[in-house]
Amino acid sequence: MRFYRQLGRIEAMTFDLDDTLYDNRPIIRRVEAQATEWLHTHHPISASKSNSWWQEIKHQVAEKDSWLRNDVTLWRLKSIEYGLIQLGYSVQQAHQAATDLVDLVLELRSDFKVPDSSLQVLDKLSKTMPLVAITNGNVDIHKIGLSRYFSKVLKAGADGRAKPHQEMYHKAVQFLELPAKSILHVGDHLITDVHGAKRSGLSACWFNDQNKIIRNEPKTRTLPDVEVKLLHELILLNER
């Protein structure tokens, strides 16, 4: 545990989910591979274009509607729709195909087990203070067994603009009815989590399980209040 500034009494915690409570990288790789396979199998015309073409489609739809960057599920839906329309599908055909694919992605997205070590930390913390989840992703916390630990879950899109925007952080403060500084946000990302939390008035904990050196990180915008390499350290922090 490393402190960058003096940390006052913590009365609640907010948590990022992906890459903080579990390693999301292999999950996303699996989901993307299976989603691509499904699309190519059920709609073979999609395989006529390269991955770079589909990435360009994704950028194009976001340029037309910048809000989509705040909602990863809707962004995927609109990207598949638009791409298939460009390949000759009718609007109705494209919408149905995109909806079917998104349904599959959401199912695959939450088909994994959260490490017991994370569950143990959340269990201990939730018995001493309220916890709120703040995520830019679309995981279903009920399906992965996290709902019992959180008093509230805030998701980008449905609950406001994506982190590092202040909207969801402010909603968490309003829900908790506590001084923002007494709420510690825990997350792995130096911009969306650390910078976003600090500019919203919360205290920030950088979860650095990759052994990065903060002064060497190009994404460093704001120093966290504290850095931990293991989630278990949060229990020790709470017991100060």
C-alpha atoms as a PDB file:
ATOM      1  CA  MET A   1       0.000   0.000   0.000  1.00  0.00           C
ATOM      2  CA  ARG A   2       1.345   3.392  -0.961  1.00  0.00           C
ATOM      3  CA  PHE A   3      -0.071   6.757   0.086  1.00  0.00           C
ATOM      4  CA  TYR A   4       0.305   9.837  -2.117  1.00  0.00           C
ATOM      5  CA  ARG A   5      -1.549  12.195   0.193  1.00  0.00           C
ATOM      6  CA  GLN A   6      -3.184  12.044   3.603  1.00  0.00           C
ATOM      7  CA  LEU A   7      -6.403  10.053   3.520  1.00  0.00           C
ATOM      8  CA  GLY A   8      -9.208  10.903   5.926  1.00  0.00           C
ATOM      9  CA  ARG A   9     -11.864   8.598   7.346  1.00  0.00           C
ATOM     10  CA  ILE A  10     -13.498   6.468   4.650  1.00  0.00           C
ATOM     11  CA  GLU A  11     -17.236   5.961   5.160  1.00  0.00           C
ATOM     12  CA  ALA A  12     -18.114   4.263   1.866  1.00  0.00           C
ATOM     13  CA  MET A  13     -16.429   2.839  -1.216  1.00  0.00           C
ATOM     14  CA  THR A  14     -17.298   2.820  -4.878  1.00  0.00           C
ATOM     15  CA  PHE A  15     -15.833   0.197  -7.195  1.00  0.00           C
ATOM     16  CA  ASP A  16     -14.976  -0.130 -10.815  1.00  0.00           C
ATOM     17  CA  LEU A  17     -15.754  -3.679 -11.973  1.00  0.00           C
ATOM     18  CA  ASP A  18     -13.812  -4.718 -15.106  1.00  0.00           C
ATOM     19  CA  ASP A  19     -10.105  -5.346 -14.452  1.00  0.00           C
ATOM     20  CA  THR A  20     -10.541  -4.388 -10.823  1.00  0.00           C
ATOM     21  CA  LEU A  21     -12.633  -7.148  -9.259  1.00  0.00           C
ATOM     22  CA  TYR A  22     -11.688  -9.626 -11.997  1.00  0.00           C
ATOM     23  CA  ASP A  23      -9.422  -9.791 -15.033  1.00  0.00           C
ATOM     24  CA  ASN A  24     -11.686  -8.725 -17.889  1.00  0.00           C
ATOM     25  CA  ARG A  25      -9.157  -9.075 -20.698  1.00  0.00           C
ATOM     26  CA  PRO A  26      -9.502 -12.821 -21.403  1.00  0.00           C
ATOM     27  CA  ILE A  27     -13.280 -12.508 -21.038  1.00  0.00           C
ATOM     28  CA  ILE A  28     -13.478  -9.829 -23.718  1.00  0.00           C
ATOM     29  CA  ARG A  29     -11.165 -11.757 -26.058  1.00  0.00           C
ATOM     30  CA  ARG A  30     -13.409 -14.808 -25.741  1.00  0.00           C
ATOM     31  CA  VAL A  31     -16.589 -12.796 -26.220  1.00  0.00           C
ATOM     32  CA  GLU A  32     -15.264 -11.034 -29.321  1.00  0.00           C
ATOM     33  CA  ALA A  33     -14.074 -14.296 -30.879  1.00  0.00           C
ATOM     34  CA  GLN A  34     -17.386 -16.042 -30.282  1.00  0.00           C
ATOM     35  CA  ALA A  35     -19.408 -13.024 -31.417  1.00  0.00           C
ATOM     36  CA  THR A  36     -17.453 -12.840 -34.670  1.00  0.00           C
ATOM     37  CA  GLU A  37     -17.871 -16.565 -35.256  1.00  0.00           C
ATOM     38  CA  TRP A  38     -21.629 -16.309 -34.667  1.00  0.00           C
ATOM     39  CA  LEU A  39     -22.000 -13.350 -37.015  1.00  0.00           C
ATOM     40  CA  HIS A  40     -20.008 -15.036 -39.784  1.00  0.00           C
ATOM     41  CA  THR A  41     -21.979 -18.269 -39.375  1.00  0.00           C
ATOM     42  CA  HIS A  42     -25.477 -16.785 -39.244  1.00  0.00           C
ATOM     43  CA  HIS A  43     -24.847 -13.850 -41.561  1.00  0.00           C
ATOM     44  CA  PRO A  44     -22.032 -14.955 -43.900  1.00  0.00           C
ATOM     45  CA  ILE A  45     -21.997 -11.681 -45.798  1.00  0.00           C
ATOM     46  CA  SER A  46     -20.394 -10.121 -42.705  1.00  0.00           C
ATOM     47  CA  ALA A  47     -17.261 -12.200 -43.339  1.00  0.00           C
ATOM     48  CA  SER A  48     -16.767 -10.466 -46.680  1.00  0.00           C
ATOM     49  CA  LYS A  49     -15.342  -7.483 -44.820  1.00  0.00           C
ATOM     50  CA  SER A  50     -12.220  -7.336 -42.677  1.00  0.00           C
ATOM     51  CA  ASN A  51     -12.035  -6.550 -38.974  1.00  0.00           C
ATOM     52  CA  SER A  52     -10.578  -3.165 -39.856  1.00  0.00           C
ATOM     53  CA  TRP A  53     -13.653  -2.428 -41.975  1.00  0.00           C
ATOM     54  CA  TRP A  54     -15.938  -3.264 -39.071  1.00  0.00           C
ATOM     55  CA  GLN A  55     -13.816  -1.092 -36.777  1.00  0.00           C
ATOM     56  CA  GLU A  56     -14.231   1.784 -39.202  1.00  0.00           C
ATOM     57  CA  ILE A  57     -17.999   1.219 -39.161  1.00  0.00           C
ATOM     58  CA  LYS A  58     -17.870   1.450 -35.380  1.00  0.00           C
ATOM     59  CA  HIS A  59     -16.053   4.790 -35.559  1.00  0.00           C
ATOM     60  CA  GLN A  60     -18.473   6.112 -38.166  1.00  0.00           C
ATOM     61  CA  VAL A  61     -21.593   5.432 -36.106  1.00  0.00           C
ATOM     62  CA  ALA A  62     -19.964   7.089 -33.081  1.00  0.00           C
ATOM     63  CA  GLU A  63     -19.144  10.150 -35.155  1.00  0.00           C
ATOM     64  CA  LYS A  64     -22.804  10.387 -36.127  1.00  0.00           C
ATOM     65  CA  ASP A  65     -23.991   9.918 -32.544  1.00  0.00           C
ATOM     66  CA  SER A  66     -21.332  10.717 -29.940  1.00  0.00           C
ATOM     67  CA  TRP A  67     -23.587   9.465 -27.122  1.00  0.00           C
ATOM     68  CA  LEU A  68     -22.913   5.887 -28.230  1.00  0.00           C
ATOM     69  CA  ARG A  69     -19.451   6.038 -26.662  1.00  0.00           C
ATOM     70  CA  ASN A  70     -21.243   6.115 -23.304  1.00  0.00           C
ATOM     71  CA  ASP A  71     -23.189   2.906 -23.932  1.00  0.00           C
ATOM     72  CA  VAL A  72     -21.104  -0.017 -25.170  1.00  0.00           C
ATOM     73  CA  THR A  73     -24.139  -2.246 -25.720  1.00  0.00           C
ATOM     74  CA  LEU A  74     -26.046   0.260 -27.835  1.00  0.00           C
ATOM     75  CA  TRP A  75     -22.839   1.148 -29.691  1.00  0.00           C
ATOM     76  CA  ARG A  76     -22.353  -2.490 -30.699  1.00  0.00           C
ATOM     77  CA  LEU A  77     -25.999  -2.780 -31.784  1.00  0.00           C
ATOM     78  CA  LYS A  78     -25.866   0.323 -33.950  1.00  0.00           C
ATOM     79  CA  SER A  79     -22.501  -0.685 -35.446  1.00  0.00           C
ATOM     80  CA  ILE A  80     -23.726  -4.118 -36.522  1.00  0.00           C
ATOM     81  CA  GLU A  81     -26.953  -2.624 -37.873  1.00  0.00           C
ATOM     82  CA  TYR A  82     -25.147  -0.002 -39.905  1.00  0.00           C
ATOM     83  CA  GLY A  83     -22.552  -2.437 -41.210  1.00  0.00           C
ATOM     84  CA  LEU A  84     -25.124  -4.963 -42.380  1.00  0.00           C
ATOM     85  CA  ILE A  85     -27.171  -2.237 -44.054  1.00  0.00           C
ATOM     86  CA  GLN A  86     -24.036  -1.217 -45.954  1.00  0.00           C
ATOM     87  CA  LEU A  87     -23.736  -4.849 -47.055  1.00  0.00           C
ATOM     88  CA  GLY A  88     -27.275  -4.924 -48.437  1.00  0.00           C
ATOM     89  CA  TYR A  89     -29.537  -5.871 -45.532  1.00  0.00           C
ATOM     90  CA  SER A  90     -32.832  -4.076 -45.050  1.00  0.00           C
ATOM     91  CA  VAL A  91     -33.197  -1.960 -41.915  1.00  0.00           C
ATOM     92  CA  GLN A  92     -35.461  -4.608 -40.379  1.00  0.00           C
ATOM     93  CA  GLN A  93     -33.109  -7.472 -41.239  1.00  0.00           C
ATOM     94  CA  ALA A  94     -30.111  -5.598 -39.886  1.00  0.00           C
ATOM     95  CA  HIS A  95     -31.886  -4.679 -36.662  1.00  0.00           C
ATOM     96  CA  GLN A  96     -32.940  -8.278 -36.005  1.00  0.00           C
ATOM     97  CA  ALA A  97     -29.457  -9.630 -36.681  1.00  0.00           C
ATOM     98  CA  ALA A  98     -27.846  -6.993 -34.462  1.00  0.00           C
ATOM     99  CA  THR A  99     -30.352  -7.634 -31.668  1.00  0.00           C
ATOM    100  CA  ASP A 100     -29.710 -11.387 -31.796  1.00  0.00           C
ATOM    101  CA  LEU A 101     -25.964 -10.831 -31.645  1.00  0.00           C
ATOM    102  CA  VAL A 102     -26.165  -8.373 -28.757  1.00  0.00           C
ATOM    103  CA  ASP A 103     -28.328 -10.830 -26.807  1.00  0.00           C
ATOM    104  CA  LEU A 104     -25.621 -13.450 -27.283  1.00  0.00           C
ATOM    105  CA  VAL A 105     -22.847 -11.038 -26.320  1.00  0.00           C
ATOM    106  CA  LEU A 106     -24.613 -10.052 -23.106  1.00  0.00           C
ATOM    107  CA  GLU A 107     -25.024 -13.713 -22.202  1.00  0.00           C
ATOM    108  CA  LEU A 108     -21.368 -14.504 -22.900  1.00  0.00           C
ATOM    109  CA  ARG A 109     -20.214 -11.293 -21.240  1.00  0.00           C
ATOM    110  CA  SER A 110     -21.413 -12.429 -17.818  1.00  0.00           C
ATOM    111  CA  ASP A 111     -20.450 -16.091 -18.140  1.00  0.00           C
ATOM    112  CA  PHE A 112     -17.483 -16.242 -15.774  1.00  0.00           C
ATOM    113  CA  LYS A 113     -16.641 -16.618 -12.110  1.00  0.00           C
ATOM    114  CA  VAL A 114     -15.357 -13.751 -10.002  1.00  0.00           C
ATOM    115  CA  PRO A 115     -12.263 -14.776  -7.997  1.00  0.00           C
ATOM    116  CA  ASP A 116     -12.989 -15.871  -4.448  1.00  0.00           C
ATOM    117  CA  SER A 117     -10.396 -13.397  -3.204  1.00  0.00           C
ATOM    118  CA  SER A 118     -12.474 -10.496  -4.572  1.00  0.00           C
ATOM    119  CA  LEU A 119     -15.681 -11.895  -3.099  1.00  0.00           C
ATOM    120  CA  GLN A 120     -14.057 -12.230   0.310  1.00  0.00           C
ATOM    121  CA  VAL A 121     -12.905  -8.614   0.276  1.00  0.00           C
ATOM    122  CA  LEU A 122     -16.314  -7.346  -0.804  1.00  0.00           C
ATOM    123  CA  ASP A 123     -18.029  -9.463   1.838  1.00  0.00           C
ATOM    124  CA  LYS A 124     -15.908  -8.007   4.635  1.00  0.00           C
ATOM    125  CA  LEU A 125     -16.168  -4.430   3.395  1.00  0.00           C
ATOM    126  CA  SER A 126     -19.914  -4.569   2.796  1.00  0.00           C
ATOM    127  CA  LYS A 127     -20.463  -5.487   6.429  1.00  0.00           C
ATOM    128  CA  THR A 128     -18.797  -2.280   7.586  1.00  0.00           C
ATOM    129  CA  MET A 129     -19.828   0.321   4.977  1.00  0.00           C
ATOM    130  CA  PRO A 130     -22.042   0.814   1.912  1.00  0.00           C
ATOM    131  CA  LEU A 131     -20.543  -0.127  -1.444  1.00  0.00           C
ATOM    132  CA  VAL A 132     -21.552   1.183  -4.873  1.00  0.00           C
ATOM    133  CA  ALA A 133     -20.443  -0.152  -8.262  1.00  0.00           C
ATOM    134  CA  ILE A 134     -19.668   2.349 -11.042  1.00  0.00           C
ATOM    135  CA  THR A 135     -18.917   0.786 -14.413  1.00  0.00           C
ATOM    136  CA  ASN A 136     -18.536   1.754 -18.053  1.00  0.00           C
ATOM    137  CA  GLY A 137     -19.168  -1.865 -19.009  1.00  0.00           C
ATOM    138  CA  ASN A 138     -22.224  -4.055 -19.446  1.00  0.00           C
ATOM    139  CA  VAL A 139     -21.624  -7.016 -17.146  1.00  0.00           C
ATOM    140  CA  ASP A 140     -24.655  -8.349 -15.238  1.00  0.00           C
ATOM    141  CA  ILE A 141     -23.651  -8.297 -11.582  1.00  0.00           C
ATOM    142  CA  HIS A 142     -26.518 -10.609 -10.639  1.00  0.00           C
ATOM    143  CA  LYS A 143     -25.211 -13.349 -12.943  1.00  0.00           C
ATOM    144  CA  ILE A 144     -21.643 -13.069 -11.644  1.00  0.00           C
ATOM    145  CA  GLY A 145     -22.702 -13.067  -7.986  1.00  0.00           C
ATOM    146  CA  LEU A 146     -21.858  -9.491  -6.994  1.00  0.00           C
ATOM    147  CA  SER A 147     -25.303  -8.014  -6.407  1.00  0.00           C
ATOM    148  CA  ARG A 148     -25.401  -8.995  -2.740  1.00  0.00           C
ATOM    149  CA  TYR A 149     -22.444  -6.737  -1.940  1.00  0.00           C
ATOM    150  CA  PHE A 150     -23.523  -3.497  -3.589  1.00  0.00           C
ATOM    151  CA  SER A 151     -26.184  -1.089  -2.390  1.00  0.00           C
ATOM    152  CA  LYS A 152     -26.385   0.403  -5.871  1.00  0.00           C
ATOM    153  CA  VAL A 153     -24.982  -0.190  -9.342  1.00  0.00           C
ATOM    154  CA  LEU A 154     -24.400   2.672 -11.784  1.00  0.00           C
ATOM    155  CA  LYS A 155     -23.822   1.812 -15.450  1.00  0.00           C
ATOM    156  CA  ALA A 156     -22.665   4.151 -18.186  1.00  0.00           C
ATOM    157  CA  GLY A 157     -25.459   4.798 -20.636  1.00  0.00           C
ATOM    158  CA  ALA A 158     -28.412   3.967 -18.426  1.00  0.00           C
ATOM    159  CA  ASP A 159     -27.107   6.076 -15.538  1.00  0.00           C
ATOM    160  CA  GLY A 160     -25.238   8.809 -17.367  1.00  0.00           C
ATOM    161  CA  ARG A 161     -22.116   9.522 -19.313  1.00  0.00           C
ATOM    162  CA  ALA A 162     -19.166   7.172 -19.029  1.00  0.00           C
ATOM    163  CA  LYS A 163     -16.306   7.716 -16.607  1.00  0.00           C
ATOM    164  CA  PRO A 164     -14.250   9.884 -16.298  1.00  0.00           C
ATOM    165  CA  HIS A 165     -17.263  12.183 -16.678  1.00  0.00           C
ATOM    166  CA  GLN A 166     -18.510  13.257 -13.268  1.00  0.00           C
ATOM    167  CA  GLU A 167     -22.170  12.300 -13.721  1.00  0.00           C
ATOM    168  CA  MET A 168     -22.113   8.781 -12.253  1.00  0.00           C
ATOM    169  CA  TYR A 169     -19.711   9.810  -9.492  1.00  0.00           C
ATOM    170  CA  HIS A 170     -22.093  12.586  -8.473  1.00  0.00           C
ATOM    171  CA  LYS A 171     -25.022  10.158  -8.530  1.00  0.00           C
ATOM    172  CA  ALA A 172     -23.092   7.864  -6.194  1.00  0.00           C
ATOM    173  CA  VAL A 173     -22.459  10.736  -3.773  1.00  0.00           C
ATOM    174  CA  GLN A 174     -26.126  11.713  -3.858  1.00  0.00           C
ATOM    175  CA  PHE A 175     -27.187   8.135  -3.194  1.00  0.00           C
ATOM    176  CA  LEU A 176     -24.758   7.639  -0.316  1.00  0.00           C
ATOM    177  CA  GLU A 177     -25.563  11.044   1.238  1.00  0.00           C
ATOM    178  CA  LEU A 178     -21.994  11.397   2.452  1.00  0.00           C
ATOM    179  CA  PRO A 179     -19.263  13.986   1.887  1.00  0.00           C
ATOM    180  CA  ALA A 180     -17.589  13.106  -1.414  1.00  0.00           C
ATOM    181  CA  LYS A 181     -14.140  13.104   0.158  1.00  0.00           C
ATOM    182  CA  SER A 182     -15.190  10.370   2.591  1.00  0.00           C
ATOM    183  CA  ILE A 183     -16.020   8.064  -0.324  1.00  0.00           C
ATOM    184  CA  LEU A 184     -13.102   6.077  -1.753  1.00  0.00           C
ATOM    185  CA  HIS A 185     -13.360   5.027  -5.380  1.00  0.00           C
ATOM    186  CA  VAL A 186     -11.330   1.930  -6.250  1.00  0.00           C
ATOM    187  CA  GLY A 187     -10.339   1.246  -9.835  1.00  0.00           C
ATOM    188  CA  ASP A 188      -7.537   0.158 -12.141  1.00  0.00           C
ATOM    189  CA  HIS A 189      -7.706   2.934 -14.741  1.00  0.00           C
ATOM    190  CA  LEU A 190      -5.720   6.115 -14.141  1.00  0.00           C
ATOM    191  CA  ILE A 191      -8.067   8.274 -16.217  1.00  0.00           C
ATOM    192  CA  THR A 192     -11.574   6.856 -15.920  1.00  0.00           C
ATOM    193  CA  ASP A 193     -11.168   5.845 -12.274  1.00  0.00           C
ATOM    194  CA  VAL A 194      -8.471   7.919 -10.587  1.00  0.00           C
ATOM    195  CA  HIS A 195      -8.780  11.154 -12.565  1.00  0.00           C
ATOM    196  CA  GLY A 196     -12.558  10.827 -12.826  1.00  0.00           C
ATOM    197  CA  ALA A 197     -13.026  10.263  -9.106  1.00  0.00           C
ATOM    198  CA  LYS A 198     -10.665  13.019  -8.005  1.00  0.00           C
ATOM    199  CA  ARG A 199     -12.172  15.666 -10.285  1.00  0.00           C
ATOM    200  CA  SER A 200     -15.576  14.667  -8.860  1.00  0.00           C
ATOM    201  CA  GLY A 201     -14.410  15.289  -5.297  1.00  0.00           C
ATOM    202  CA  LEU A 202     -14.051  11.665  -4.204  1.00  0.00           C
ATOM    203  CA  SER A 203     -10.950  10.077  -2.761  1.00  0.00           C
ATOM    204  CA  ALA A 204      -9.269   7.651  -5.154  1.00  0.00           C
ATOM    205  CA  CYS A 205      -7.506   4.325  -4.812  1.00  0.00           C
ATOM    206  CA  TRP A 206      -5.520   3.046  -7.766  1.00  0.00           C
ATOM    207  CA  PHE A 207      -5.674  -0.745  -8.021  1.00  0.00           C
ATOM    208  CA  ASN A 208      -2.300  -1.564  -9.570  1.00  0.00           C
ATOM    209  CA  ASP A 209      -2.082  -5.338  -9.876  1.00  0.00           C
ATOM    210  CA  GLN A 210       0.125  -5.027 -12.971  1.00  0.00           C
ATOM    211  CA  ASN A 211       3.094  -3.589 -11.029  1.00  0.00           C
ATOM    212  CA  LYS A 212       3.123  -0.397 -13.066  1.00  0.00           C
ATOM    213  CA  ILE A 213       5.126   2.641 -11.998  1.00  0.00           C
ATOM    214  CA  ILE A 214       2.787   5.596 -11.905  1.00  0.00           C
ATOM    215  CA  ARG A 215       5.353   8.217 -12.938  1.00  0.00           C
ATOM    216  CA  ASN A 216       6.020   6.197 -16.104  1.00  0.00           C
ATOM    217  CA  GLU A 217       2.376   5.848 -17.079  1.00  0.00           C
ATOM    218  CA  PRO A 218       1.291   8.150 -19.945  1.00  0.00           C
ATOM    219  CA  LYS A 219      -2.302   8.003 -18.705  1.00  0.00           C
ATOM    220  CA  THR A 220      -1.439   9.613 -15.372  1.00  0.00           C
ATOM    221  CA  ARG A 221      -3.424  12.850 -15.059  1.00  0.00           C
ATOM    222  CA  THR A 222      -3.967  12.966 -11.316  1.00  0.00           C
ATOM    223  CA  LEU A 223      -2.268  11.155  -8.464  1.00  0.00           C
ATOM    224  CA  PRO A 224      -4.511   8.832  -6.453  1.00  0.00           C
ATOM    225  CA  ASP A 225      -4.728   9.194  -2.703  1.00  0.00           C
ATOM    226  CA  VAL A 226      -3.563   5.626  -2.249  1.00  0.00           C
ATOM    227  CA  GLU A 227      -2.303   2.740  -4.374  1.00  0.00           C
ATOM    228  CA  VAL A 228      -2.856  -0.950  -3.653  1.00  0.00           C
ATOM    229  CA  LYS A 229      -1.600  -4.023  -5.467  1.00  0.00           C
ATOM    230  CA  LEU A 230      -3.996  -6.443  -3.768  1.00  0.00           C
ATOM    231  CA  LEU A 231      -7.672  -5.864  -3.021  1.00  0.00           C
ATOM    232  CA  HIS A 232      -7.138  -7.368   0.425  1.00  0.00           C
ATOM    233  CA  GLU A 233      -5.226  -4.215   1.346  1.00  0.00           C
ATOM    234  CA  LEU A 234      -8.562  -2.340   1.293  1.00  0.00           C
ATOM    235  CA  ILE A 235      -9.550  -4.233   4.429  1.00  0.00           C
ATOM    236  CA  LEU A 236      -6.410  -3.057   6.173  1.00  0.00           C
ATOM    237  CA  LEU A 237      -7.121   0.466   4.957  1.00  0.00           C
ATOM    238  CA  ASN A 238     -10.583   0.269   6.439  1.00  0.00           C
ATOM    239  CA  GLU A 239      -9.164  -0.841   9.783  1.00  0.00           C
ATOM    240  CA  ARG A 240      -6.802   2.099  10.212  1.00  0.00           C
END
